[in-house]
Amino acid sequence: MTISSYPKFIRKALDKLAQDRFDFSDDYLDTCQSILSYGEQTGNDSLTGTACFYLAQYYYNCPKSYDQFYLYLRRAILHLSNQADDITVLARCYNFLGINATDHGLTELAFDYYMQAMSCARQAESPQLKAIFEYNIGTQYDLMEQREEAIARYHTAIDLIKICGKDDDYYFTIYSYSLCQLILAAIRSNYMVLMESSMEELNTLLANESSEKREEFHIDPLYLEAATAYAYKTGNDKERISLTRTLLDRLKAQTLNIDDISDILIFAGNVLESGYPRPVKQILDILLPQVDQCDIPFIRQSLARLSIQYHKHVGDTKGEMEAFHLYYESTEQYMAETNKEYAYFLNLRNDLDELRQKNKRLLRQATTDPLTGLPNRLAFNDASEQAFDKAYIDKTTLAIEIVDIDNFKDFNDTLGHQSGDRYLCALGKLLRGMNEEGVTAFRYGGDEFVILYENKTAEEIRSIASSLKKNVNKLSITADNGTLLPPMTISQGICQSIPKNKNRTWDFMYAADHALYDVKRKGKNSISFIDKLIPLPQDFRL
């Protein structure tokens, strides 16, 4: 179902959420609930999953409501995995889990979630999403100190977002952030050429933006981290002092989100290693109350680790011991929370496995004829189209045989439907036994069966068809009371050819049906084989 097919109020609600999902207007939750209610009432997995995704975004920004975040994101993934319309939203769900795992210091989980997101992005063929996820995967390699792979990922993210063009909503963010990360990765790896070229490219990018956007970006924590690290590395003391002051003012002026706090803590550690403890003390004083508020043990542990390093650097034993105490407490909490995160991960995997198994069962039921156990017409339509495409690409033969029970209507009318079913089951059993590589039988409907031959010679097909005819003639079928039923015979029409550009599966079916009619006209219980297509009249094509 496409968005255009939804009621007007749902389309308006979706548009509103797309605009409000970062600012969270006063009626954001009500809008989400209206979409969720409609999705649940109509059994629409796409709408239900999308609404749950937007609700998860809201609760992610409420630290005291993490349980709601996990609940809604799990529901979103399960509903969106149950259909194929919104693979992009499913990709964002996994990306969200990756971000959350990163915030909690679970690099392995984050990496797994980002790779799941990337898999969805490839299915959606979205360069924008792939650029976002390449960037995020790059940050994980950075955290694992796999600099070469991280650098490669950042470059790939830039190449992908360039494909999207400057008008893309994420163009500037992904491009600029990737360059900032390249500068930092180059400094950590002592790649001076890469550092200089990335900074030059970043300055060129900024020069082409409005003054308003430049001013906004110049106080972005990641930019300040990269620019300050560059100033430290190049020995530009004036720029270093100016940027450090700007960074400290930025930290004082606004509460940071979790991602920014993590970046600043990493940056402060690098500053301390460079021999400048004073800015680190100021950063610690500013971030301590913010970290206490965010209530994420990994962030508290990271801040405590930095505090230990700082107090050790300046020789403050008492402060170092107090920081060790904070580190111990936060580590205990971090381990407990890690277990919770992994439990969520495993439960989600189990839920998805159960969903896949359920869908397999439903698909098997939907594509299997309950009477004969053969794949049904729906299964044939799918299998024949795939076989046609493969034969066309490989320039190999494809053949379709239509099998029809002779005088089946008379059997049903005179002997009853139960006896008719015995004929169908007996033939179905023979056809099931024929299935091998390149040969698949289906119940097409009524007393009509279809056999699909892939890459078989005419002699092989004739031999298989003849063996089927002989085996049918040998059958002894009895009624419920043990009475021997009249012998069964079949008529078989076969068309074999190599698919051409303008052909489709129905051309083979049409020709095989003509061959079957020829058998019926000449007296039944025989085989007609033709090696050329009889194109279906244009009026009959879909």
Protein backbone atom coordinates (compact mmCIF):
# COMPACT_ATOMS: atom_id res chain seq x y z
CA MET A 1 0.00 0.00 0.00
CA THR A 2 1.42 3.39 -1.01
CA ILE A 3 1.14 6.60 1.00
CA SER A 4 -1.18 8.07 -1.63
CA SER A 5 -3.73 5.35 -0.85
CA TYR A 6 -4.01 6.34 2.83
CA PRO A 7 -6.84 8.59 4.05
CA LYS A 8 -6.08 12.29 3.94
CA PHE A 9 -5.81 12.66 7.72
CA ILE A 10 -3.18 9.88 7.85
CA ARG A 11 -1.16 11.47 5.05
CA LYS A 12 -1.23 14.82 6.88
CA ALA A 13 -0.23 13.14 10.15
CA LEU A 14 2.75 11.40 8.48
CA ASP A 15 3.90 14.68 6.92
CA LYS A 16 3.63 16.40 10.29
CA LEU A 17 5.70 13.74 12.06
CA ALA A 18 8.39 13.94 9.39
CA GLN A 19 8.69 17.66 10.15
CA ASP A 20 8.31 17.46 13.94
CA ARG A 21 10.43 14.38 14.74
CA PHE A 22 13.37 16.46 15.98
CA ASP A 23 11.53 19.32 17.70
CA PHE A 24 8.59 17.32 19.13
CA SER A 25 5.63 19.70 18.93
CA ASP A 26 3.03 19.70 21.71
CA ASP A 27 0.70 17.37 19.79
CA TYR A 28 3.49 15.01 18.63
CA LEU A 29 2.36 12.10 20.81
CA ASP A 30 -1.29 12.56 19.81
CA THR A 31 -0.30 12.50 16.14
CA CYS A 32 1.68 9.29 16.67
CA GLN A 33 -1.20 7.67 18.50
CA SER A 34 -3.69 8.54 15.75
CA ILE A 35 -1.50 6.80 13.15
CA LEU A 36 -0.88 3.86 15.48
CA SER A 37 -4.61 3.41 16.17
CA TYR A 38 -5.47 3.50 12.47
CA GLY A 39 -2.66 1.07 11.64
CA GLU A 40 -3.80 -1.40 14.31
CA GLN A 41 -7.49 -1.12 13.32
CA THR A 42 -6.75 -1.77 9.64
CA GLY A 43 -4.05 -4.39 10.27
CA ASN A 44 -1.51 -2.25 8.41
CA ASP A 45 1.96 -3.33 9.55
CA SER A 46 3.63 -0.45 7.70
CA LEU A 47 1.64 2.27 9.46
CA THR A 48 1.80 0.52 12.84
CA GLY A 49 5.57 0.08 12.55
CA THR A 50 6.11 3.66 11.39
CA ALA A 51 4.07 5.08 14.27
CA CYS A 52 6.01 2.94 16.75
CA PHE A 53 9.28 4.20 15.26
CA TYR A 54 8.27 7.83 15.79
CA LEU A 55 7.14 7.05 19.35
CA ALA A 56 10.52 5.41 20.02
CA GLN A 57 12.24 8.58 18.81
CA TYR A 58 10.24 10.61 21.32
CA TYR A 59 10.98 8.34 24.28
CA TYR A 60 14.66 8.10 23.37
CA ASN A 61 14.90 11.77 24.31
CA CYS A 62 13.28 11.06 27.71
CA PRO A 63 16.03 9.32 29.75
CA LYS A 64 13.54 8.19 32.38
CA SER A 65 11.42 6.46 29.70
CA TYR A 66 13.98 4.11 28.16
CA ASP A 67 11.67 1.14 28.70
CA GLN A 68 9.12 2.82 26.43
CA PHE A 69 11.85 3.48 23.88
CA TYR A 70 12.79 -0.21 23.77
CA LEU A 71 9.16 -1.32 23.73
CA TYR A 72 8.16 0.83 20.77
CA LEU A 73 11.32 0.20 18.79
CA ARG A 74 10.87 -3.56 19.19
CA ARG A 75 7.27 -3.27 18.00
CA ALA A 76 8.37 -1.13 15.05
CA ILE A 77 10.97 -3.67 13.93
CA LEU A 78 8.60 -6.63 14.23
CA HIS A 79 5.81 -4.91 12.28
CA LEU A 80 8.11 -3.49 9.60
CA SER A 81 9.88 -6.85 9.20
CA ASN A 82 6.47 -8.35 8.41
CA GLN A 83 6.11 -6.41 5.15
CA ALA A 84 8.27 -4.84 2.46
CA ASP A 85 6.79 -1.38 1.94
CA ASP A 86 8.90 0.60 4.41
CA ILE A 87 12.36 -0.90 4.33
CA THR A 88 13.76 2.61 4.82
CA VAL A 89 11.96 3.01 8.16
CA LEU A 90 13.18 -0.43 9.20
CA ALA A 91 16.72 0.68 8.32
CA ARG A 92 16.31 3.73 10.56
CA CYS A 93 15.09 1.50 13.40
CA TYR A 94 18.30 -0.52 13.29
CA ASN A 95 20.34 2.66 12.98
CA PHE A 96 18.58 3.98 16.07
CA LEU A 97 19.52 0.84 17.98
CA GLY A 98 23.10 1.32 16.80
CA ILE A 99 23.18 4.88 18.08
CA ASN A 100 21.73 3.80 21.40
CA ALA A 101 24.26 0.94 21.74
CA THR A 102 27.09 3.39 20.95
CA ASP A 103 25.83 5.77 23.64
CA HIS A 104 25.96 2.89 26.11
CA GLY A 105 29.47 1.86 25.11
CA LEU A 106 28.45 -1.41 23.43
CA THR A 107 30.55 -1.25 20.29
CA GLU A 108 29.94 -4.87 19.20
CA LEU A 109 26.17 -4.47 19.44
CA ALA A 110 26.29 -1.11 17.71
CA PHE A 111 28.32 -2.58 14.87
CA ASP A 112 25.81 -5.42 14.42
CA TYR A 113 22.85 -3.01 14.38
CA TYR A 114 24.54 -0.69 11.88
CA MET A 115 25.28 -3.62 9.58
CA GLN A 116 21.60 -4.63 9.77
CA ALA A 117 20.69 -1.06 8.86
CA MET A 118 23.12 -1.13 5.94
CA SER A 119 21.57 -4.36 4.66
CA CYS A 120 18.16 -2.64 4.61
CA ALA A 121 19.63 0.43 2.91
CA ARG A 122 21.03 -1.76 0.13
CA GLN A 123 17.62 -3.34 -0.37
CA ALA A 124 16.08 0.12 -0.51
CA GLU A 125 18.83 1.24 -2.93
CA SER A 126 19.14 4.49 -0.98
CA PRO A 127 22.53 6.26 -1.30
CA GLN A 128 21.45 8.68 1.43
CA LEU A 129 20.85 5.94 3.98
CA LYS A 130 23.99 4.11 2.91
CA ALA A 131 25.98 7.33 3.43
CA ILE A 132 24.55 7.75 6.94
CA PHE A 133 25.30 4.16 7.88
CA GLU A 134 28.79 4.16 6.34
CA TYR A 135 29.55 7.18 8.53
CA ASN A 136 28.21 5.45 11.65
CA ILE A 137 30.09 2.23 10.88
CA GLY A 138 33.21 4.35 10.45
CA THR A 139 32.79 5.71 13.98
CA GLN A 140 32.67 2.15 15.32
CA TYR A 141 35.92 1.26 13.57
CA ASP A 142 37.36 4.44 15.09
CA LEU A 143 36.30 3.31 18.56
CA MET A 144 37.95 -0.06 17.89
CA GLU A 145 41.08 1.84 16.77
CA GLN A 146 40.82 0.36 13.28
CA ARG A 147 41.83 3.65 11.67
CA GLU A 148 42.38 2.45 8.10
CA GLU A 149 38.90 0.93 7.89
CA ALA A 150 37.37 3.97 9.59
CA ILE A 151 39.01 6.31 7.09
CA ALA A 152 37.78 4.18 4.19
CA ARG A 153 34.22 4.29 5.55
CA TYR A 154 34.26 8.08 5.94
CA HIS A 155 35.47 8.47 2.36
CA THR A 156 32.70 6.14 1.17
CA ALA A 157 30.11 8.15 3.10
CA ILE A 158 31.29 11.32 1.33
CA ASP A 159 31.14 9.65 -2.10
CA LEU A 160 27.61 8.39 -1.44
CA ILE A 161 26.24 11.69 -0.16
CA LYS A 162 27.71 13.46 -3.18
CA ILE A 163 25.54 11.21 -5.34
CA CYS A 164 22.49 12.57 -3.51
CA GLY A 165 23.41 16.16 -4.39
CA LYS A 166 23.54 19.37 -2.41
CA ASP A 167 19.77 19.58 -2.06
CA ASP A 168 19.66 16.42 0.04
CA ASP A 169 18.72 17.08 3.67
CA TYR A 170 21.76 15.17 4.92
CA TYR A 171 24.30 16.44 2.35
CA PHE A 172 26.05 19.05 4.49
CA THR A 173 25.82 17.08 7.74
CA ILE A 174 27.29 13.83 6.41
CA TYR A 175 29.89 15.61 4.27
CA SER A 176 31.10 17.95 7.03
CA TYR A 177 30.98 15.37 9.83
CA SER A 178 32.90 12.85 7.71
CA LEU A 179 35.60 15.44 7.06
CA CYS A 180 35.80 16.24 10.78
CA GLN A 181 36.19 12.56 11.57
CA LEU A 182 38.85 12.22 8.86
CA ILE A 183 40.81 15.08 10.45
CA LEU A 184 40.63 13.42 13.88
CA ALA A 185 41.48 9.96 12.52
CA ALA A 186 44.43 11.43 10.58
CA ILE A 187 45.75 13.16 13.72
CA ARG A 188 45.48 9.96 15.77
CA SER A 189 47.30 8.03 13.02
CA ASN A 190 49.79 10.85 12.31
CA TYR A 191 48.68 11.07 8.64
CA MET A 192 49.59 14.68 8.05
CA VAL A 193 48.73 14.74 4.34
CA LEU A 194 45.23 13.41 5.02
CA MET A 195 44.79 15.86 7.89
CA GLU A 196 45.72 18.85 5.73
CA SER A 197 43.66 17.76 2.70
CA SER A 198 40.59 17.05 4.85
CA MET A 199 40.81 20.42 6.59
CA GLU A 200 41.21 22.17 3.23
CA GLU A 201 38.18 20.33 1.85
CA LEU A 202 36.16 21.22 4.96
CA ASN A 203 37.04 24.91 4.62
CA THR A 204 36.02 24.81 0.95
CA LEU A 205 32.73 23.18 1.86
CA LEU A 206 32.04 25.83 4.50
CA ALA A 207 32.98 28.67 2.14
CA ASN A 208 30.12 27.62 -0.16
CA GLU A 209 27.55 27.76 2.63
CA SER A 210 25.62 30.73 4.00
CA SER A 211 27.12 32.78 6.81
CA GLU A 212 24.29 31.60 9.06
CA LYS A 213 25.11 27.94 8.47
CA ARG A 214 28.83 28.60 8.94
CA GLU A 215 28.22 30.31 12.28
CA GLU A 216 26.02 27.45 13.41
CA PHE A 217 28.60 24.85 12.38
CA HIS A 218 31.48 26.72 14.03
CA ILE A 219 29.96 26.01 17.45
CA ASP A 220 29.16 22.36 16.67
CA PRO A 221 31.02 20.19 19.24
CA LEU A 222 32.42 17.82 16.59
CA TYR A 223 33.76 20.71 14.51
CA LEU A 224 35.25 22.35 17.59
CA GLU A 225 36.86 19.05 18.54
CA ALA A 226 38.37 18.59 15.05
CA ALA A 227 39.44 22.23 14.63
CA THR A 228 40.95 22.41 18.12
CA ALA A 229 42.79 19.12 17.64
CA TYR A 230 44.10 20.50 14.34
CA ALA A 231 45.29 23.68 16.09
CA TYR A 232 47.05 21.61 18.77
CA LYS A 233 48.70 19.43 16.12
CA THR A 234 49.88 22.33 13.97
CA GLY A 235 51.09 24.37 16.96
CA ASN A 236 48.72 27.28 16.30
CA ASP A 237 48.46 28.47 19.91
CA LYS A 238 46.32 31.50 19.10
CA GLU A 239 43.73 29.40 17.26
CA ARG A 240 43.94 26.69 19.94
CA ILE A 241 43.16 29.15 22.75
CA SER A 242 40.37 30.80 20.77
CA LEU A 243 38.72 27.47 19.84
CA THR A 244 39.08 26.09 23.35
CA ARG A 245 37.38 29.20 24.74
CA THR A 246 34.58 28.84 22.17
CA LEU A 247 34.17 25.20 23.10
CA LEU A 248 33.97 25.97 26.81
CA ASP A 249 31.44 28.74 26.18
CA ARG A 250 29.40 26.32 24.10
CA LEU A 251 29.47 23.74 26.89
CA LYS A 252 28.34 26.30 29.45
CA ALA A 253 25.58 27.73 27.28
CA GLN A 254 23.68 24.59 26.35
CA THR A 255 23.03 21.10 27.70
CA LEU A 256 24.67 18.63 25.32
CA ASN A 257 23.15 15.47 23.92
CA ILE A 258 24.76 12.11 24.65
CA ASP A 259 26.69 11.94 21.38
CA ASP A 260 28.25 15.36 22.00
CA ILE A 261 29.26 14.47 25.55
CA SER A 262 31.02 11.32 24.31
CA ASP A 263 32.90 13.32 21.67
CA ILE A 264 33.95 16.00 24.15
CA LEU A 265 35.23 13.42 26.65
CA ILE A 266 37.37 11.83 23.92
CA PHE A 267 38.60 15.27 22.88
CA ALA A 268 39.46 16.21 26.48
CA GLY A 269 41.49 13.04 26.85
CA ASN A 270 43.49 13.98 23.75
CA VAL A 271 44.05 17.51 25.13
CA LEU A 272 45.34 16.04 28.38
CA GLU A 273 47.73 13.76 26.50
CA SER A 274 49.02 16.88 24.71
CA GLY A 275 49.98 18.36 28.09
CA TYR A 276 47.21 20.94 28.62
CA PRO A 277 45.38 20.07 31.87
CA ARG A 278 43.60 23.41 32.46
CA PRO A 279 40.93 23.08 29.72
CA VAL A 280 40.31 19.50 30.88
CA LYS A 281 39.53 20.70 34.42
CA GLN A 282 37.09 23.24 33.03
CA ILE A 283 35.44 20.58 30.85
CA LEU A 284 35.11 18.22 33.81
CA ASP A 285 33.49 20.92 35.95
CA ILE A 286 30.96 21.70 33.23
CA LEU A 287 30.12 18.12 32.23
CA LEU A 288 29.85 16.53 35.68
CA PRO A 289 26.31 17.82 36.46
CA GLN A 290 25.17 17.08 32.89
CA VAL A 291 26.47 13.51 33.08
CA ASP A 292 24.71 13.00 36.41
CA GLN A 293 21.47 14.07 34.72
CA CYS A 294 21.80 11.78 31.68
CA ASP A 295 21.95 8.70 33.93
CA ILE A 296 23.89 6.53 31.47
CA PRO A 297 26.54 4.48 33.31
CA PHE A 298 28.92 4.31 30.32
CA ILE A 299 29.04 8.11 30.08
CA ARG A 300 29.58 8.39 33.84
CA GLN A 301 32.31 5.76 33.60
CA SER A 302 34.00 7.67 30.74
CA LEU A 303 33.88 10.92 32.71
CA ALA A 304 35.27 9.18 35.80
CA ARG A 305 38.12 7.72 33.71
CA LEU A 306 38.97 11.19 32.41
CA SER A 307 38.81 12.56 35.94
CA ILE A 308 41.25 9.88 37.14
CA GLN A 309 43.65 10.77 34.32
CA TYR A 310 43.39 14.48 35.07
CA HIS A 311 43.98 14.21 38.83
CA LYS A 312 46.86 11.81 38.26
CA HIS A 313 48.37 14.25 35.76
CA VAL A 314 48.25 17.18 38.21
CA GLY A 315 49.27 15.04 41.21
CA ASP A 316 45.99 15.37 43.15
CA THR A 317 45.85 12.04 45.01
CA LYS A 318 42.65 12.82 46.90
CA GLY A 319 40.83 13.84 43.75
CA GLU A 320 42.17 10.75 42.00
CA MET A 321 40.77 8.47 44.73
CA GLU A 322 37.37 10.18 44.60
CA ALA A 323 37.37 9.68 40.83
CA PHE A 324 38.27 6.01 41.33
CA HIS A 325 35.24 5.65 43.62
CA LEU A 326 32.99 7.18 40.97
CA TYR A 327 34.58 4.92 38.36
CA TYR A 328 33.89 1.81 40.47
CA GLU A 329 30.23 2.76 41.02
CA SER A 330 29.63 3.57 37.37
CA THR A 331 31.37 0.36 36.24
CA GLU A 332 29.05 -1.73 38.43
CA GLN A 333 26.05 0.06 36.90
CA TYR A 334 27.53 -0.26 33.41
CA MET A 335 27.89 -4.03 33.73
CA ALA A 336 24.29 -4.40 34.91
CA GLU A 337 23.03 -2.21 32.07
CA THR A 338 25.17 -4.12 29.54
CA ASN A 339 23.43 -7.34 30.55
CA LYS A 340 20.09 -5.61 30.01
CA GLU A 341 21.13 -4.40 26.55
CA TYR A 342 22.31 -7.84 25.48
CA ALA A 343 19.11 -9.38 26.82
CA TYR A 344 17.12 -6.94 24.67
CA PHE A 345 19.29 -7.83 21.68
CA LEU A 346 18.77 -11.58 22.19
CA ASN A 347 15.03 -11.20 22.79
CA LEU A 348 14.70 -9.14 19.63
CA ARG A 349 16.61 -11.77 17.65
CA ASN A 350 14.39 -14.52 19.07
CA ASP A 351 11.27 -12.52 18.22
CA LEU A 352 12.49 -12.00 14.65
CA ASP A 353 13.37 -15.69 14.29
CA GLU A 354 9.88 -16.65 15.47
CA LEU A 355 8.36 -14.14 13.06
CA ARG A 356 10.40 -15.54 10.15
CA GLN A 357 9.37 -19.09 11.03
CA LYS A 358 5.74 -18.03 11.28
CA ASN A 359 5.92 -16.27 7.91
CA LYS A 360 7.55 -19.35 6.38
CA ARG A 361 4.67 -21.49 7.65
CA LEU A 362 2.11 -19.02 6.34
CA LEU A 363 3.87 -18.83 2.98
CA ARG A 364 4.04 -22.61 2.81
CA GLN A 365 0.31 -22.81 3.57
CA ALA A 366 -0.46 -20.11 1.02
CA THR A 367 1.59 -21.78 -1.72
CA THR A 368 0.77 -25.46 -1.08
CA ASP A 369 -2.29 -27.33 -2.32
CA PRO A 370 -3.74 -28.99 0.80
CA LEU A 371 -5.21 -31.98 -1.09
CA THR A 372 -2.19 -33.15 -3.10
CA GLY A 373 0.65 -31.55 -1.15
CA LEU A 374 2.01 -30.03 -4.36
CA PRO A 375 2.93 -26.35 -4.75
CA ASN A 376 -0.11 -24.45 -6.00
CA ARG A 377 -0.79 -21.93 -8.75
CA LEU A 378 0.58 -19.03 -6.69
CA ALA A 379 3.84 -20.91 -6.21
CA PHE A 380 3.95 -21.74 -9.93
CA ASN A 381 3.54 -18.10 -10.92
CA ASP A 382 6.53 -17.12 -8.81
CA ALA A 383 8.73 -20.10 -9.73
CA SER A 384 8.00 -19.88 -13.46
CA GLU A 385 8.86 -16.17 -13.61
CA GLN A 386 12.17 -16.81 -11.85
CA ALA A 387 12.88 -19.76 -14.14
CA PHE A 388 12.02 -17.68 -17.21
CA ASP A 389 14.39 -14.87 -16.18
CA LYS A 390 17.21 -17.31 -15.49
CA ALA A 391 16.71 -19.15 -18.80
CA TYR A 392 16.60 -15.84 -20.68
CA ILE A 393 19.85 -14.63 -19.10
CA ASP A 394 21.65 -18.00 -19.48
CA LYS A 395 20.19 -18.69 -22.94
CA THR A 396 19.02 -22.15 -21.78
CA THR A 397 15.82 -24.06 -22.47
CA LEU A 398 12.58 -23.73 -20.54
CA ALA A 399 9.61 -26.04 -20.91
CA ILE A 400 6.11 -26.14 -19.45
CA GLU A 401 3.90 -29.22 -19.48
CA ILE A 402 0.18 -29.09 -18.75
CA VAL A 403 -1.27 -32.36 -17.44
CA ASP A 404 -5.02 -32.92 -17.49
CA ILE A 405 -6.95 -35.94 -16.12
CA ASP A 406 -9.10 -37.36 -18.92
CA ASN A 407 -12.88 -37.43 -18.31
CA PHE A 408 -12.44 -36.07 -14.78
CA LYS A 409 -15.82 -34.29 -14.79
CA ASP A 410 -17.57 -37.56 -15.61
CA PHE A 411 -15.75 -39.30 -12.76
CA ASN A 412 -16.90 -36.62 -10.33
CA ASP A 413 -20.48 -36.60 -11.59
CA THR A 414 -20.93 -40.40 -11.58
CA LEU A 415 -18.64 -41.58 -8.79
CA GLY A 416 -18.74 -38.54 -6.46
CA HIS A 417 -16.24 -35.94 -5.39
CA GLN A 418 -14.55 -38.21 -2.86
CA SER A 419 -13.59 -40.60 -5.64
CA GLY A 420 -12.50 -37.62 -7.75
CA ASP A 421 -10.25 -36.54 -4.90
CA ARG A 422 -8.68 -40.02 -4.89
CA TYR A 423 -7.69 -39.56 -8.53
CA LEU A 424 -6.20 -36.15 -7.73
CA CYS A 425 -4.26 -37.48 -4.73
CA ALA A 426 -2.93 -40.46 -6.67
CA LEU A 427 -1.69 -38.25 -9.52
CA GLY A 428 -0.32 -35.74 -7.01
CA LYS A 429 1.72 -38.47 -5.32
CA LEU A 430 3.25 -39.49 -8.65
CA LEU A 431 4.08 -35.88 -9.50
CA ARG A 432 5.68 -35.26 -6.10
CA GLY A 433 7.93 -38.24 -6.74
CA MET A 434 9.05 -36.71 -10.04
CA ASN A 435 10.42 -33.54 -8.48
CA GLU A 436 14.17 -33.30 -8.95
CA GLU A 437 16.64 -30.59 -9.91
CA GLY A 438 15.18 -28.78 -12.90
CA VAL A 439 11.79 -30.53 -12.67
CA THR A 440 8.98 -29.18 -10.45
CA ALA A 441 5.30 -30.14 -10.51
CA PHE A 442 2.39 -27.93 -9.39
CA ARG A 443 -1.36 -28.29 -9.03
CA TYR A 444 -2.65 -25.48 -11.21
CA GLY A 445 -6.34 -25.86 -10.38
CA GLY A 446 -9.16 -28.41 -10.66
CA ASP A 447 -7.80 -31.49 -12.43
CA GLU A 448 -5.04 -29.53 -14.16
CA PHE A 449 -1.38 -29.88 -13.19
CA VAL A 450 1.72 -28.13 -14.51
CA ILE A 451 5.31 -29.33 -14.71
CA LEU A 452 8.16 -26.84 -15.06
CA TYR A 453 11.35 -28.05 -16.77
CA GLU A 454 14.54 -25.99 -16.49
CA ASN A 455 17.52 -26.57 -18.79
CA LYS A 456 16.34 -30.01 -19.93
CA THR A 457 16.80 -31.45 -23.41
CA ALA A 458 13.79 -32.47 -25.51
CA GLU A 459 14.77 -36.15 -25.07
CA GLU A 460 14.91 -35.79 -21.27
CA ILE A 461 11.50 -34.09 -21.18
CA ARG A 462 9.90 -36.70 -23.47
CA SER A 463 11.32 -39.49 -21.30
CA ILE A 464 10.01 -37.95 -18.07
CA ALA A 465 6.58 -37.26 -19.59
CA SER A 466 6.36 -40.81 -21.01
CA SER A 467 7.29 -42.34 -17.65
CA LEU A 468 4.55 -40.29 -15.98
CA LYS A 469 1.99 -41.49 -18.53
CA LYS A 470 2.99 -45.15 -18.02
CA ASN A 471 2.91 -44.85 -14.23
CA VAL A 472 -0.55 -43.27 -14.35
CA ASN A 473 -1.83 -46.11 -16.54
CA LYS A 474 -0.52 -48.63 -13.98
CA LEU A 475 -2.40 -47.05 -11.06
CA SER A 476 -5.03 -49.04 -9.21
CA ILE A 477 -7.32 -46.63 -7.38
CA THR A 478 -10.04 -47.82 -5.02
CA ALA A 479 -13.09 -46.09 -3.56
CA ASP A 480 -13.81 -45.84 0.17
CA ASN A 481 -15.68 -49.15 0.09
CA GLY A 482 -12.76 -50.92 -1.58
CA THR A 483 -14.31 -51.00 -5.04
CA LEU A 484 -11.80 -50.62 -7.84
CA LEU A 485 -12.33 -47.35 -9.67
CA PRO A 486 -12.06 -47.00 -13.46
CA PRO A 487 -8.46 -46.59 -14.66
CA MET A 488 -7.13 -43.06 -14.92
CA THR A 489 -5.49 -41.63 -18.03
CA ILE A 490 -3.97 -38.23 -18.66
CA SER A 491 -3.42 -35.87 -21.56
CA GLN A 492 -0.13 -33.97 -21.72
CA GLY A 493 0.73 -30.83 -23.69
CA ILE A 494 4.36 -29.63 -23.66
CA CYS A 495 6.06 -26.54 -25.04
CA GLN A 496 9.83 -26.16 -24.96
CA SER A 497 11.87 -23.19 -26.20
CA ILE A 498 14.61 -20.73 -25.29
CA PRO A 499 13.03 -17.51 -23.97
CA LYS A 500 13.40 -14.45 -26.16
CA ASN A 501 13.16 -10.79 -25.29
CA LYS A 502 9.45 -10.38 -26.07
CA ASN A 503 8.31 -13.70 -24.57
CA ARG A 504 6.93 -14.27 -21.10
CA THR A 505 5.84 -17.35 -19.13
CA TRP A 506 2.27 -17.04 -20.36
CA ASP A 507 3.48 -17.56 -23.94
CA PHE A 508 4.77 -21.00 -22.88
CA MET A 509 1.48 -21.73 -21.08
CA TYR A 510 -0.54 -20.68 -24.12
CA ALA A 511 1.51 -22.92 -26.43
CA ALA A 512 1.38 -25.88 -23.99
CA ASP A 513 -2.38 -25.45 -23.77
CA HIS A 514 -2.58 -25.61 -27.56
CA ALA A 515 -0.59 -28.85 -27.47
CA LEU A 516 -2.92 -30.23 -24.78
CA TYR A 517 -5.97 -29.34 -26.86
CA ASP A 518 -4.42 -31.21 -29.78
CA VAL A 519 -4.19 -34.36 -27.61
CA LYS A 520 -7.78 -33.98 -26.42
CA ARG A 521 -8.99 -33.52 -29.99
CA LYS A 522 -7.22 -36.67 -31.18
CA GLY A 523 -8.54 -38.98 -28.45
CA LYS A 524 -6.73 -38.20 -25.14
CA ASN A 525 -4.24 -40.39 -23.17
CA SER A 526 -1.32 -39.11 -25.19
CA ILE A 527 1.49 -36.54 -25.34
CA SER A 528 1.87 -33.58 -27.69
CA PHE A 529 5.28 -31.85 -27.79
CA ILE A 530 6.00 -28.59 -29.60
CA ASP A 531 9.32 -26.75 -29.72
CA LYS A 532 8.13 -23.29 -30.67
CA LEU A 533 6.04 -20.67 -28.93
CA ILE A 534 2.59 -19.58 -29.93
CA PRO A 535 2.56 -15.99 -28.67
CA LEU A 536 -0.44 -15.07 -26.57
CA PRO A 537 -2.68 -12.56 -28.39
CA GLN A 538 -2.01 -9.02 -27.21
CA ASP A 539 -5.61 -8.64 -26.00
CA PHE A 540 -5.05 -11.43 -23.46
CA ARG A 541 -1.84 -10.06 -21.99
CA LEU A 542 -1.87 -8.42 -18.55
